C-alpha cells in the first residue's frame, strides 16, 4: 500500500469531497469530527479518515480475490470524466447485491440508473447470477425510483434488519431475476 500512497491520497480526497456538497462538511470529516447526517436518507457514510482508509483498503484487497466477488466502480460522465460517484455489485452464491452513491449535485440526472443498468447487464451476462437485489431506506425515494427504473420489483420491507451506528434501520428490498431482465 505504501507504494500507492499518491493513489491512496486521491481516493481519500475523493471520498472526503466527492459526496459532500458543502466544503465545510469536508473539513469536519477530515478533522475526524464526523458530520450531522440526520438530513440524509442513506446510512452509507465513512465519516472519518480512518473509516475511509479502511474502506479503500477493503476495496483494493477485493480486487485481488479469486474468484472475484466484489466490484466497486467509479461513475464518471462521458463528456468530462469527473468522478461523481460509485457503483458496486457484490456476488453471494447465485445472488448479487447492487449499490450506488452519487454526489448530490449529480443526483436526479439519470447517472445512477445508467450505472446500475450497466451492472445488471454485467451481473447477469458476465457473472451469471440468477438474482440481483438492492436495498434502500424507506425515506430514500430517489434510490427507490432508480430501482424501479431499472426493472426491479419491491419484494417487501425488512423491519429493523440492520443495526448501524447505535440504532436499527428498516429497508425496502428490491430485486430482479435473470429471466425477467432478459425479457426487457
N, C-alpha and C. Protein backbone atom coordinates (compact mmCIF):
# COMPACT_ATOMS: atom_id res chain seq x y z
N UNK A 1 0.81 -1.18 0.00
CA UNK A 1 0.00 0.00 0.00
C UNK A 1 0.86 1.26 0.00
N UNK A 2 2.02 1.21 0.63
CA UNK A 2 2.88 2.39 0.71
C UNK A 2 3.29 2.88 -0.67
N UNK A 3 3.52 1.97 -1.62
CA UNK A 3 3.93 2.38 -2.96
C UNK A 3 2.81 3.17 -3.66
N UNK A 4 1.59 2.95 -3.25
CA UNK A 4 0.45 3.60 -3.88
C UNK A 4 -0.06 4.77 -3.05
N UNK A 5 0.78 5.40 -2.24
CA UNK A 5 0.30 6.43 -1.33
C UNK A 5 -0.34 7.60 -2.08
N UNK A 6 0.15 7.92 -3.27
CA UNK A 6 -0.44 9.00 -4.05
C UNK A 6 -1.86 8.65 -4.48
N UNK A 7 -2.01 7.43 -4.99
CA UNK A 7 -3.32 6.94 -5.39
C UNK A 7 -4.24 6.87 -4.16
N UNK A 8 -3.70 6.39 -3.07
CA UNK A 8 -4.46 6.26 -1.84
C UNK A 8 -4.94 7.64 -1.38
N UNK A 9 -4.07 8.65 -1.43
CA UNK A 9 -4.46 10.01 -1.06
C UNK A 9 -5.57 10.52 -1.96
N UNK A 10 -5.46 10.21 -3.25
CA UNK A 10 -6.50 10.63 -4.19
C UNK A 10 -7.84 10.03 -3.79
N UNK A 11 -7.85 8.73 -3.49
CA UNK A 11 -9.09 8.07 -3.09
C UNK A 11 -9.66 8.69 -1.82
N UNK A 12 -8.79 9.01 -0.87
CA UNK A 12 -9.26 9.63 0.36
C UNK A 12 -9.90 10.97 0.05
N UNK A 13 -9.23 11.77 -0.76
CA UNK A 13 -9.80 13.07 -1.12
C UNK A 13 -11.12 12.89 -1.86
N UNK A 14 -11.18 11.89 -2.71
CA UNK A 14 -12.42 11.60 -3.43
C UNK A 14 -13.55 11.34 -2.45
N UNK A 15 -13.32 10.48 -1.48
CA UNK A 15 -14.37 10.17 -0.52
C UNK A 15 -14.67 11.34 0.40
N UNK A 16 -13.68 12.14 0.70
CA UNK A 16 -13.92 13.29 1.57
C UNK A 16 -14.72 14.37 0.86
N UNK A 17 -14.48 14.56 -0.43
CA UNK A 17 -15.07 15.70 -1.11
C UNK A 17 -16.14 15.36 -2.15
N UNK A 18 -16.05 14.23 -2.80
CA UNK A 18 -16.94 13.96 -3.93
C UNK A 18 -18.41 13.91 -3.53
N UNK A 19 -18.71 13.49 -2.32
CA UNK A 19 -20.10 13.31 -1.95
C UNK A 19 -20.62 14.41 -1.05
N UNK A 20 -19.81 15.41 -0.77
CA UNK A 20 -20.24 16.45 0.15
C UNK A 20 -20.46 17.76 -0.59
N UNK A 21 -21.71 18.22 -0.66
CA UNK A 21 -21.98 19.44 -1.41
C UNK A 21 -21.45 20.69 -0.73
N UNK A 22 -21.24 20.64 0.56
CA UNK A 22 -20.78 21.81 1.31
C UNK A 22 -19.36 21.55 1.77
N UNK A 23 -18.36 22.29 1.22
CA UNK A 23 -16.96 22.06 1.57
C UNK A 23 -16.69 22.14 3.07
N UNK A 24 -17.50 22.88 3.82
CA UNK A 24 -17.27 22.94 5.27
C UNK A 24 -17.50 21.59 5.93
N UNK A 25 -18.36 20.76 5.32
CA UNK A 25 -18.58 19.42 5.86
C UNK A 25 -17.32 18.59 5.70
N UNK A 26 -16.62 18.76 4.59
CA UNK A 26 -15.39 18.01 4.35
C UNK A 26 -14.35 18.32 5.41
N UNK A 27 -14.31 19.56 5.85
CA UNK A 27 -13.37 19.94 6.90
C UNK A 27 -13.68 19.16 8.17
N UNK A 28 -14.96 19.05 8.50
CA UNK A 28 -15.35 18.28 9.68
C UNK A 28 -14.96 16.82 9.54
N UNK A 29 -15.19 16.26 8.35
CA UNK A 29 -14.83 14.87 8.13
C UNK A 29 -13.33 14.70 8.22
N UNK A 30 -12.59 15.60 7.58
CA UNK A 30 -11.14 15.49 7.56
C UNK A 30 -10.58 15.57 8.98
N UNK A 31 -11.20 16.37 9.82
CA UNK A 31 -10.72 16.51 11.19
C UNK A 31 -11.18 15.34 12.05
N UNK A 32 -11.94 14.42 11.47
CA UNK A 32 -12.39 13.25 12.22
C UNK A 32 -13.52 13.57 13.18
N UNK A 33 -14.17 14.71 13.00
CA UNK A 33 -15.24 15.10 13.90
C UNK A 33 -16.57 14.49 13.52
N UNK A 34 -16.66 13.95 12.32
CA UNK A 34 -17.93 13.45 11.84
C UNK A 34 -18.81 14.61 11.40
N UNK A 35 -19.97 14.29 10.86
CA UNK A 35 -20.91 15.33 10.44
C UNK A 35 -22.31 14.91 10.81
N UNK A 36 -23.19 15.89 10.91
CA UNK A 36 -24.59 15.60 11.17
C UNK A 36 -25.23 15.16 9.87
N UNK A 37 -25.53 13.88 9.76
CA UNK A 37 -26.12 13.36 8.53
C UNK A 37 -27.60 13.06 8.72
N UNK A 38 -28.24 13.65 9.76
CA UNK A 38 -29.63 13.34 10.05
C UNK A 38 -30.54 13.72 8.89
N UNK A 39 -30.09 14.65 8.03
CA UNK A 39 -30.89 15.07 6.88
C UNK A 39 -30.76 14.11 5.70
N UNK A 40 -29.85 13.16 5.77
CA UNK A 40 -29.58 12.26 4.66
C UNK A 40 -30.50 11.05 4.72
N UNK A 41 -30.77 10.45 3.56
CA UNK A 41 -31.62 9.28 3.52
C UNK A 41 -30.81 8.02 3.24
N UNK A 42 -29.52 8.08 3.45
CA UNK A 42 -28.68 6.91 3.30
C UNK A 42 -27.84 6.74 4.55
N UNK A 43 -27.51 5.51 4.87
CA UNK A 43 -26.69 5.27 6.06
C UNK A 43 -25.23 5.09 5.70
N UNK A 44 -24.94 5.01 4.39
CA UNK A 44 -23.55 4.82 3.97
C UNK A 44 -22.80 6.13 4.18
N UNK A 45 -21.82 6.10 5.02
CA UNK A 45 -21.04 7.31 5.26
C UNK A 45 -19.77 7.03 6.03
N UNK A 46 -18.71 6.62 5.36
CA UNK A 46 -17.47 6.61 6.12
C UNK A 46 -17.19 8.05 6.52
N UNK A 47 -17.18 8.34 7.81
CA UNK A 47 -17.15 9.74 8.19
C UNK A 47 -15.89 10.17 8.93
N UNK A 48 -14.90 9.31 8.94
CA UNK A 48 -13.59 9.72 9.44
C UNK A 48 -12.56 9.27 8.42
N UNK A 49 -11.39 9.87 8.48
CA UNK A 49 -10.34 9.48 7.55
C UNK A 49 -9.97 8.01 7.73
N UNK A 50 -9.98 7.54 8.96
CA UNK A 50 -9.66 6.13 9.22
C UNK A 50 -10.71 5.20 8.61
N UNK A 51 -12.00 5.57 8.73
CA UNK A 51 -13.07 4.79 8.11
C UNK A 51 -12.84 4.71 6.60
N UNK A 52 -12.49 5.83 6.01
CA UNK A 52 -12.29 5.90 4.57
C UNK A 52 -11.09 5.06 4.15
N UNK A 53 -10.00 5.16 4.89
CA UNK A 53 -8.81 4.35 4.58
C UNK A 53 -9.14 2.87 4.65
N UNK A 54 -9.87 2.45 5.68
CA UNK A 54 -10.23 1.04 5.83
C UNK A 54 -11.10 0.59 4.67
N UNK A 55 -12.04 1.43 4.27
CA UNK A 55 -12.91 1.09 3.15
C UNK A 55 -12.11 0.94 1.86
N UNK A 56 -11.23 1.86 1.58
CA UNK A 56 -10.43 1.81 0.35
C UNK A 56 -9.52 0.58 0.37
N UNK A 57 -8.92 0.28 1.49
CA UNK A 57 -8.08 -0.93 1.59
C UNK A 57 -8.90 -2.18 1.31
N UNK A 58 -10.13 -2.20 1.84
CA UNK A 58 -11.01 -3.34 1.60
C UNK A 58 -11.34 -3.47 0.11
N UNK A 59 -11.64 -2.36 -0.55
CA UNK A 59 -11.96 -2.38 -1.98
C UNK A 59 -10.75 -2.84 -2.79
N UNK A 60 -9.57 -2.31 -2.49
CA UNK A 60 -8.36 -2.70 -3.21
C UNK A 60 -8.04 -4.18 -2.99
N UNK A 61 -8.23 -4.68 -1.78
CA UNK A 61 -7.97 -6.09 -1.50
C UNK A 61 -8.96 -6.99 -2.25
N UNK A 62 -10.21 -6.56 -2.33
CA UNK A 62 -11.23 -7.37 -3.00
C UNK A 62 -10.93 -7.53 -4.49
N UNK A 63 -10.18 -6.59 -5.06
CA UNK A 63 -9.83 -6.69 -6.48
C UNK A 63 -8.88 -7.85 -6.75
N UNK A 64 -8.19 -8.31 -5.72
CA UNK A 64 -7.22 -9.39 -5.88
C UNK A 64 -7.80 -10.77 -5.62
N UNK A 65 -9.02 -10.85 -5.09
CA UNK A 65 -9.62 -12.13 -4.75
C UNK A 65 -9.90 -12.96 -6.00
N UNK A 66 -9.73 -14.26 -5.87
CA UNK A 66 -10.03 -15.20 -6.95
C UNK A 66 -10.88 -16.32 -6.41
N UNK A 67 -12.08 -16.55 -6.87
CA UNK A 67 -12.74 -15.72 -7.86
C UNK A 67 -13.17 -14.40 -7.24
N UNK A 68 -13.17 -13.40 -8.05
CA UNK A 68 -13.55 -12.08 -7.56
C UNK A 68 -15.06 -12.04 -7.30
N UNK A 69 -15.43 -11.52 -6.15
CA UNK A 69 -16.84 -11.45 -5.75
C UNK A 69 -17.36 -10.02 -5.64
N UNK A 70 -16.46 -9.05 -5.51
CA UNK A 70 -16.86 -7.67 -5.26
C UNK A 70 -16.27 -6.74 -6.31
N UNK A 71 -17.12 -5.88 -6.84
CA UNK A 71 -16.72 -4.91 -7.85
C UNK A 71 -17.22 -3.53 -7.44
N UNK A 72 -16.32 -2.61 -7.22
CA UNK A 72 -16.65 -1.22 -6.90
C UNK A 72 -16.06 -0.37 -8.03
N UNK A 73 -16.91 0.41 -8.68
CA UNK A 73 -16.50 1.17 -9.86
C UNK A 73 -16.84 2.64 -9.71
N UNK A 74 -16.06 3.47 -10.35
CA UNK A 74 -16.31 4.91 -10.35
C UNK A 74 -17.41 5.24 -11.36
N UNK A 75 -18.18 6.26 -11.07
CA UNK A 75 -19.17 6.79 -12.00
C UNK A 75 -18.66 8.15 -12.47
N UNK A 76 -18.41 8.25 -13.78
CA UNK A 76 -17.87 9.48 -14.38
C UNK A 76 -18.65 9.77 -15.65
N UNK A 77 -19.21 10.98 -15.80
CA UNK A 77 -19.90 11.32 -17.05
C UNK A 77 -18.93 11.25 -18.22
N UNK A 78 -19.41 10.74 -19.34
CA UNK A 78 -18.59 10.59 -20.54
C UNK A 78 -18.02 11.91 -21.03
N UNK A 79 -18.79 12.97 -20.93
CA UNK A 79 -18.38 14.23 -21.54
C UNK A 79 -17.24 14.93 -20.82
N UNK A 80 -17.02 14.64 -19.49
CA UNK A 80 -15.93 15.35 -18.82
C UNK A 80 -15.06 14.50 -17.90
N UNK A 81 -15.46 13.26 -17.65
CA UNK A 81 -14.65 12.37 -16.85
C UNK A 81 -14.57 12.70 -15.37
N UNK A 82 -15.38 13.64 -14.89
CA UNK A 82 -15.39 13.99 -13.47
C UNK A 82 -15.91 12.83 -12.65
N UNK A 83 -15.25 12.52 -11.57
CA UNK A 83 -15.69 11.47 -10.67
C UNK A 83 -16.87 11.98 -9.86
N UNK A 84 -18.06 11.39 -10.08
CA UNK A 84 -19.27 11.89 -9.42
C UNK A 84 -19.90 10.89 -8.46
N UNK A 85 -19.37 9.68 -8.41
CA UNK A 85 -19.96 8.69 -7.52
C UNK A 85 -19.35 7.32 -7.71
N UNK A 86 -20.03 6.35 -7.14
CA UNK A 86 -19.57 4.98 -7.24
C UNK A 86 -20.74 4.03 -7.35
N UNK A 87 -20.49 2.87 -7.93
CA UNK A 87 -21.49 1.83 -8.06
C UNK A 87 -20.79 0.50 -7.80
N UNK A 88 -21.49 -0.43 -7.19
CA UNK A 88 -20.87 -1.70 -6.88
C UNK A 88 -21.83 -2.86 -7.01
N UNK A 89 -21.26 -4.03 -7.24
CA UNK A 89 -22.02 -5.27 -7.26
C UNK A 89 -21.21 -6.30 -6.48
N UNK A 90 -21.90 -7.06 -5.63
CA UNK A 90 -21.25 -7.99 -4.72
C UNK A 90 -21.94 -9.35 -4.81
N UNK A 91 -21.21 -10.34 -5.30
CA UNK A 91 -21.76 -11.67 -5.55
C UNK A 91 -21.80 -12.47 -4.26
N UNK A 92 -22.95 -13.13 -4.06
CA UNK A 92 -23.16 -14.04 -2.93
C UNK A 92 -23.88 -15.27 -3.49
N UNK A 93 -23.12 -16.32 -3.77
CA UNK A 93 -23.67 -17.53 -4.39
C UNK A 93 -24.30 -17.20 -5.74
N UNK A 94 -25.62 -17.45 -5.89
CA UNK A 94 -26.29 -17.18 -7.16
C UNK A 94 -26.98 -15.81 -7.17
N UNK A 95 -26.74 -15.02 -6.12
CA UNK A 95 -27.31 -13.68 -5.99
C UNK A 95 -26.19 -12.66 -6.04
N UNK A 96 -26.58 -11.41 -6.27
CA UNK A 96 -25.63 -10.30 -6.17
C UNK A 96 -26.37 -9.10 -5.61
N UNK A 97 -25.67 -8.32 -4.80
CA UNK A 97 -26.24 -7.09 -4.26
C UNK A 97 -25.68 -5.91 -5.05
N UNK A 98 -26.56 -5.01 -5.43
CA UNK A 98 -26.21 -3.83 -6.20
C UNK A 98 -26.32 -2.61 -5.30
N UNK A 99 -25.37 -1.68 -5.44
CA UNK A 99 -25.44 -0.44 -4.67
C UNK A 99 -24.84 0.71 -5.45
N UNK A 100 -25.22 1.93 -5.08
CA UNK A 100 -24.71 3.11 -5.76
C UNK A 100 -24.80 4.30 -4.82
N UNK A 101 -23.92 5.26 -5.05
CA UNK A 101 -23.92 6.52 -4.31
C UNK A 101 -23.39 7.60 -5.25
N UNK A 102 -24.04 8.76 -5.22
CA UNK A 102 -23.65 9.86 -6.10
C UNK A 102 -23.52 11.15 -5.31
N UNK A 103 -22.63 12.00 -5.78
CA UNK A 103 -22.54 13.35 -5.28
C UNK A 103 -23.93 13.98 -5.45
N UNK A 104 -24.45 14.64 -4.42
CA UNK A 104 -25.80 15.22 -4.52
C UNK A 104 -25.98 16.16 -5.71
N UNK A 105 -24.93 16.82 -6.16
CA UNK A 105 -25.04 17.72 -7.30
C UNK A 105 -25.39 16.99 -8.59
N UNK A 106 -25.18 15.68 -8.64
CA UNK A 106 -25.41 14.90 -9.85
C UNK A 106 -26.60 13.95 -9.72
N UNK A 107 -27.30 13.97 -8.61
CA UNK A 107 -28.46 13.12 -8.42
C UNK A 107 -29.63 13.63 -9.25
N UNK A 108 -30.49 12.71 -9.66
CA UNK A 108 -31.67 13.08 -10.42
C UNK A 108 -31.42 13.36 -11.89
N UNK A 109 -30.25 13.00 -12.38
CA UNK A 109 -29.89 13.27 -13.78
C UNK A 109 -29.72 11.98 -14.60
N UNK A 110 -30.06 10.83 -14.00
CA UNK A 110 -30.01 9.57 -14.73
C UNK A 110 -28.71 8.80 -14.60
N UNK A 111 -27.72 9.36 -13.91
CA UNK A 111 -26.42 8.67 -13.79
C UNK A 111 -26.52 7.37 -12.99
N UNK A 112 -27.26 7.40 -11.89
CA UNK A 112 -27.37 6.20 -11.06
C UNK A 112 -28.07 5.08 -11.82
N UNK A 113 -29.15 5.40 -12.51
CA UNK A 113 -29.87 4.38 -13.28
C UNK A 113 -29.00 3.82 -14.39
N UNK A 114 -28.27 4.69 -15.08
CA UNK A 114 -27.39 4.23 -16.16
C UNK A 114 -26.30 3.30 -15.63
N UNK A 115 -25.67 3.68 -14.53
CA UNK A 115 -24.62 2.85 -13.94
C UNK A 115 -25.20 1.54 -13.42
N UNK A 116 -26.36 1.61 -12.78
CA UNK A 116 -26.99 0.41 -12.24
C UNK A 116 -27.38 -0.55 -13.36
N UNK A 117 -27.91 -0.02 -14.46
CA UNK A 117 -28.26 -0.88 -15.61
C UNK A 117 -27.01 -1.59 -16.15
N UNK A 118 -25.90 -0.87 -16.22
CA UNK A 118 -24.66 -1.49 -16.72
C UNK A 118 -24.24 -2.64 -15.80
N UNK A 119 -24.40 -2.46 -14.50
CA UNK A 119 -24.02 -3.54 -13.59
C UNK A 119 -25.03 -4.69 -13.59
N UNK A 120 -26.31 -4.40 -13.88
CA UNK A 120 -27.26 -5.50 -14.07
C UNK A 120 -26.81 -6.37 -15.23
N UNK A 121 -26.46 -5.73 -16.33
CA UNK A 121 -26.00 -6.47 -17.51
C UNK A 121 -24.75 -7.28 -17.18
N UNK A 122 -23.79 -6.65 -16.50
CA UNK A 122 -22.56 -7.34 -16.10
C UNK A 122 -22.87 -8.51 -15.18
N UNK A 123 -23.76 -8.29 -14.22
CA UNK A 123 -24.11 -9.35 -13.27
C UNK A 123 -24.76 -10.55 -13.93
N UNK A 124 -25.69 -10.29 -14.83
CA UNK A 124 -26.38 -11.40 -15.47
C UNK A 124 -25.57 -12.03 -16.59
N UNK A 125 -24.90 -11.24 -17.42
CA UNK A 125 -24.20 -11.81 -18.57
C UNK A 125 -22.80 -12.31 -18.25
N UNK A 126 -22.06 -11.61 -17.41
CA UNK A 126 -20.68 -12.00 -17.14
C UNK A 126 -20.54 -12.82 -15.85
N UNK A 127 -21.20 -12.36 -14.80
CA UNK A 127 -21.09 -13.06 -13.51
C UNK A 127 -22.07 -14.23 -13.41
N UNK A 128 -23.05 -14.28 -14.30
CA UNK A 128 -24.03 -15.37 -14.39
C UNK A 128 -24.80 -15.60 -13.10
N UNK A 129 -25.16 -14.53 -12.42
CA UNK A 129 -26.00 -14.68 -11.23
C UNK A 129 -27.45 -14.82 -11.68
N UNK A 130 -28.29 -15.36 -10.81
CA UNK A 130 -29.70 -15.55 -11.13
C UNK A 130 -30.56 -14.40 -10.63
N UNK A 131 -30.11 -13.73 -9.59
CA UNK A 131 -30.92 -12.67 -8.96
C UNK A 131 -30.01 -11.55 -8.49
N UNK A 132 -30.42 -10.31 -8.77
CA UNK A 132 -29.70 -9.14 -8.27
C UNK A 132 -30.67 -8.34 -7.43
N UNK A 133 -30.23 -7.96 -6.25
CA UNK A 133 -31.10 -7.22 -5.34
C UNK A 133 -30.41 -5.96 -4.85
N UNK A 134 -31.23 -5.05 -4.34
CA UNK A 134 -30.73 -3.80 -3.78
C UNK A 134 -31.68 -3.38 -2.67
N UNK A 135 -31.17 -2.58 -1.75
CA UNK A 135 -31.99 -2.08 -0.66
C UNK A 135 -31.86 -0.57 -0.57
N UNK A 136 -32.84 0.04 0.07
CA UNK A 136 -32.75 1.47 0.38
C UNK A 136 -33.58 1.75 1.62
N UNK A 137 -33.25 2.83 2.30
CA UNK A 137 -34.07 3.26 3.42
C UNK A 137 -35.42 3.71 2.86
N UNK A 138 -36.52 3.45 3.56
CA UNK A 138 -37.85 3.82 3.05
C UNK A 138 -37.99 5.31 2.71
N UNK A 139 -37.26 6.17 3.39
CA UNK A 139 -37.36 7.60 3.10
C UNK A 139 -36.52 8.02 1.89
N UNK A 140 -35.72 7.11 1.34
CA UNK A 140 -34.87 7.44 0.20
C UNK A 140 -35.63 7.17 -1.11
N UNK A 141 -36.54 8.06 -1.43
CA UNK A 141 -37.41 7.91 -2.60
C UNK A 141 -36.60 7.94 -3.91
N UNK A 142 -35.52 8.69 -3.96
CA UNK A 142 -34.71 8.76 -5.17
C UNK A 142 -34.08 7.40 -5.48
N UNK A 143 -33.54 6.74 -4.47
CA UNK A 143 -32.93 5.43 -4.69
C UNK A 143 -34.00 4.40 -5.08
N UNK A 144 -35.15 4.50 -4.42
CA UNK A 144 -36.25 3.59 -4.77
C UNK A 144 -36.66 3.78 -6.24
N UNK A 145 -36.69 5.02 -6.69
CA UNK A 145 -37.04 5.31 -8.08
C UNK A 145 -36.03 4.70 -9.05
N UNK A 146 -34.74 4.75 -8.70
CA UNK A 146 -33.71 4.14 -9.54
C UNK A 146 -33.97 2.65 -9.68
N UNK A 147 -34.26 1.99 -8.57
CA UNK A 147 -34.52 0.54 -8.61
C UNK A 147 -35.71 0.23 -9.51
N UNK A 148 -36.75 1.04 -9.43
CA UNK A 148 -37.92 0.84 -10.29
C UNK A 148 -37.58 1.09 -11.75
N UNK A 149 -36.79 2.13 -12.02
CA UNK A 149 -36.42 2.46 -13.40
C UNK A 149 -35.62 1.34 -14.07
N UNK A 150 -34.84 0.59 -13.31
CA UNK A 150 -34.02 -0.47 -13.91
C UNK A 150 -34.74 -1.82 -13.92
N UNK A 151 -36.04 -1.81 -13.58
CA UNK A 151 -36.85 -3.02 -13.70
C UNK A 151 -36.96 -3.87 -12.46
N UNK A 152 -36.42 -3.42 -11.35
CA UNK A 152 -36.52 -4.19 -10.12
C UNK A 152 -37.93 -4.06 -9.53
N UNK A 153 -38.34 -5.10 -8.84
CA UNK A 153 -39.63 -5.13 -8.17
C UNK A 153 -39.42 -5.14 -6.66
N UNK A 154 -40.29 -4.42 -5.94
CA UNK A 154 -40.17 -4.42 -4.48
C UNK A 154 -40.66 -5.76 -3.93
N UNK A 155 -39.77 -6.41 -3.16
CA UNK A 155 -40.13 -7.68 -2.51
C UNK A 155 -40.78 -7.43 -1.16
N UNK A 156 -40.40 -6.33 -0.51
CA UNK A 156 -41.01 -6.06 0.78
C UNK A 156 -40.20 -5.10 1.62
N UNK A 157 -40.65 -4.94 2.86
CA UNK A 157 -39.99 -4.10 3.84
C UNK A 157 -39.32 -4.99 4.87
N UNK A 158 -38.03 -4.82 5.06
CA UNK A 158 -37.30 -5.56 6.09
C UNK A 158 -37.23 -4.64 7.32
N UNK A 159 -38.00 -4.99 8.33
CA UNK A 159 -38.11 -4.15 9.53
C UNK A 159 -36.92 -4.36 10.46
N UNK A 160 -36.28 -3.26 10.80
CA UNK A 160 -35.19 -3.24 11.77
C UNK A 160 -34.19 -4.39 11.56
N UNK A 161 -33.87 -4.66 10.31
CA UNK A 161 -32.97 -5.77 9.98
C UNK A 161 -31.50 -5.41 10.10
N UNK A 162 -31.22 -4.13 10.18
CA UNK A 162 -29.82 -3.70 10.13
C UNK A 162 -29.54 -2.77 11.30
N UNK A 163 -28.54 -3.13 12.09
CA UNK A 163 -28.13 -2.31 13.23
C UNK A 163 -26.88 -1.54 12.83
N UNK A 164 -26.97 -0.22 12.84
CA UNK A 164 -25.89 0.63 12.36
C UNK A 164 -25.85 1.90 13.19
N UNK A 165 -24.65 2.21 13.69
CA UNK A 165 -24.43 3.43 14.47
C UNK A 165 -25.43 3.60 15.60
N UNK A 166 -25.65 2.50 16.33
CA UNK A 166 -26.45 2.57 17.54
C UNK A 166 -27.95 2.50 17.37
N UNK A 167 -28.42 2.24 16.17
CA UNK A 167 -29.87 2.12 16.01
C UNK A 167 -30.22 1.15 14.89
N UNK A 168 -31.45 0.65 14.95
CA UNK A 168 -31.94 -0.27 13.94
C UNK A 168 -32.54 0.52 12.78
N UNK A 169 -32.39 -0.05 11.56
CA UNK A 169 -32.90 0.61 10.36
C UNK A 169 -33.77 -0.36 9.56
N UNK A 170 -34.83 0.17 8.97
CA UNK A 170 -35.66 -0.57 8.03
C UNK A 170 -35.10 -0.38 6.63
N UNK A 171 -35.40 -1.30 5.74
CA UNK A 171 -35.01 -1.17 4.34
C UNK A 171 -36.08 -1.77 3.45
N UNK A 172 -36.29 -1.13 2.29
CA UNK A 172 -37.04 -1.77 1.23
C UNK A 172 -36.09 -2.70 0.51
N UNK A 173 -36.59 -3.85 0.11
CA UNK A 173 -35.81 -4.82 -0.66
C UNK A 173 -36.41 -4.91 -2.06
N UNK A 174 -35.57 -4.67 -3.05
CA UNK A 174 -35.95 -4.77 -4.46
C UNK A 174 -35.07 -5.83 -5.12
N UNK A 175 -35.60 -6.48 -6.18
CA UNK A 175 -34.76 -7.44 -6.91
C UNK A 175 -35.27 -7.60 -8.33
N UNK A 176 -34.44 -8.26 -9.12
CA UNK A 176 -34.79 -8.65 -10.48
C UNK A 176 -34.10 -9.99 -10.76
N UNK A 177 -34.81 -10.88 -11.42
CA UNK A 177 -34.26 -12.19 -11.80
C UNK A 177 -33.69 -12.12 -13.21
N UNK A 178 -32.79 -13.03 -13.51
CA UNK A 178 -32.16 -13.07 -14.84
C UNK A 178 -33.22 -13.22 -15.92
N UNK A 179 -34.21 -14.09 -15.70
CA UNK A 179 -35.25 -14.30 -16.72
C UNK A 179 -36.09 -13.04 -16.93
N UNK A 180 -36.32 -12.27 -15.88
CA UNK A 180 -37.06 -11.01 -16.02
C UNK A 180 -36.22 -9.99 -16.78
N UNK A 181 -34.94 -9.93 -16.45
CA UNK A 181 -34.04 -8.99 -17.11
C UNK A 181 -33.91 -9.30 -18.60
N UNK A 182 -33.83 -10.58 -18.92
CA UNK A 182 -33.65 -10.99 -20.32
C UNK A 182 -34.89 -10.73 -21.17
N UNK A 183 -36.05 -10.54 -20.53
CA UNK A 183 -37.30 -10.24 -21.25
C UNK A 183 -37.38 -8.77 -21.64
N UNK A 184 -36.57 -7.91 -20.98
CA UNK A 184 -36.69 -6.47 -21.25
C UNK A 184 -35.85 -6.06 -22.44
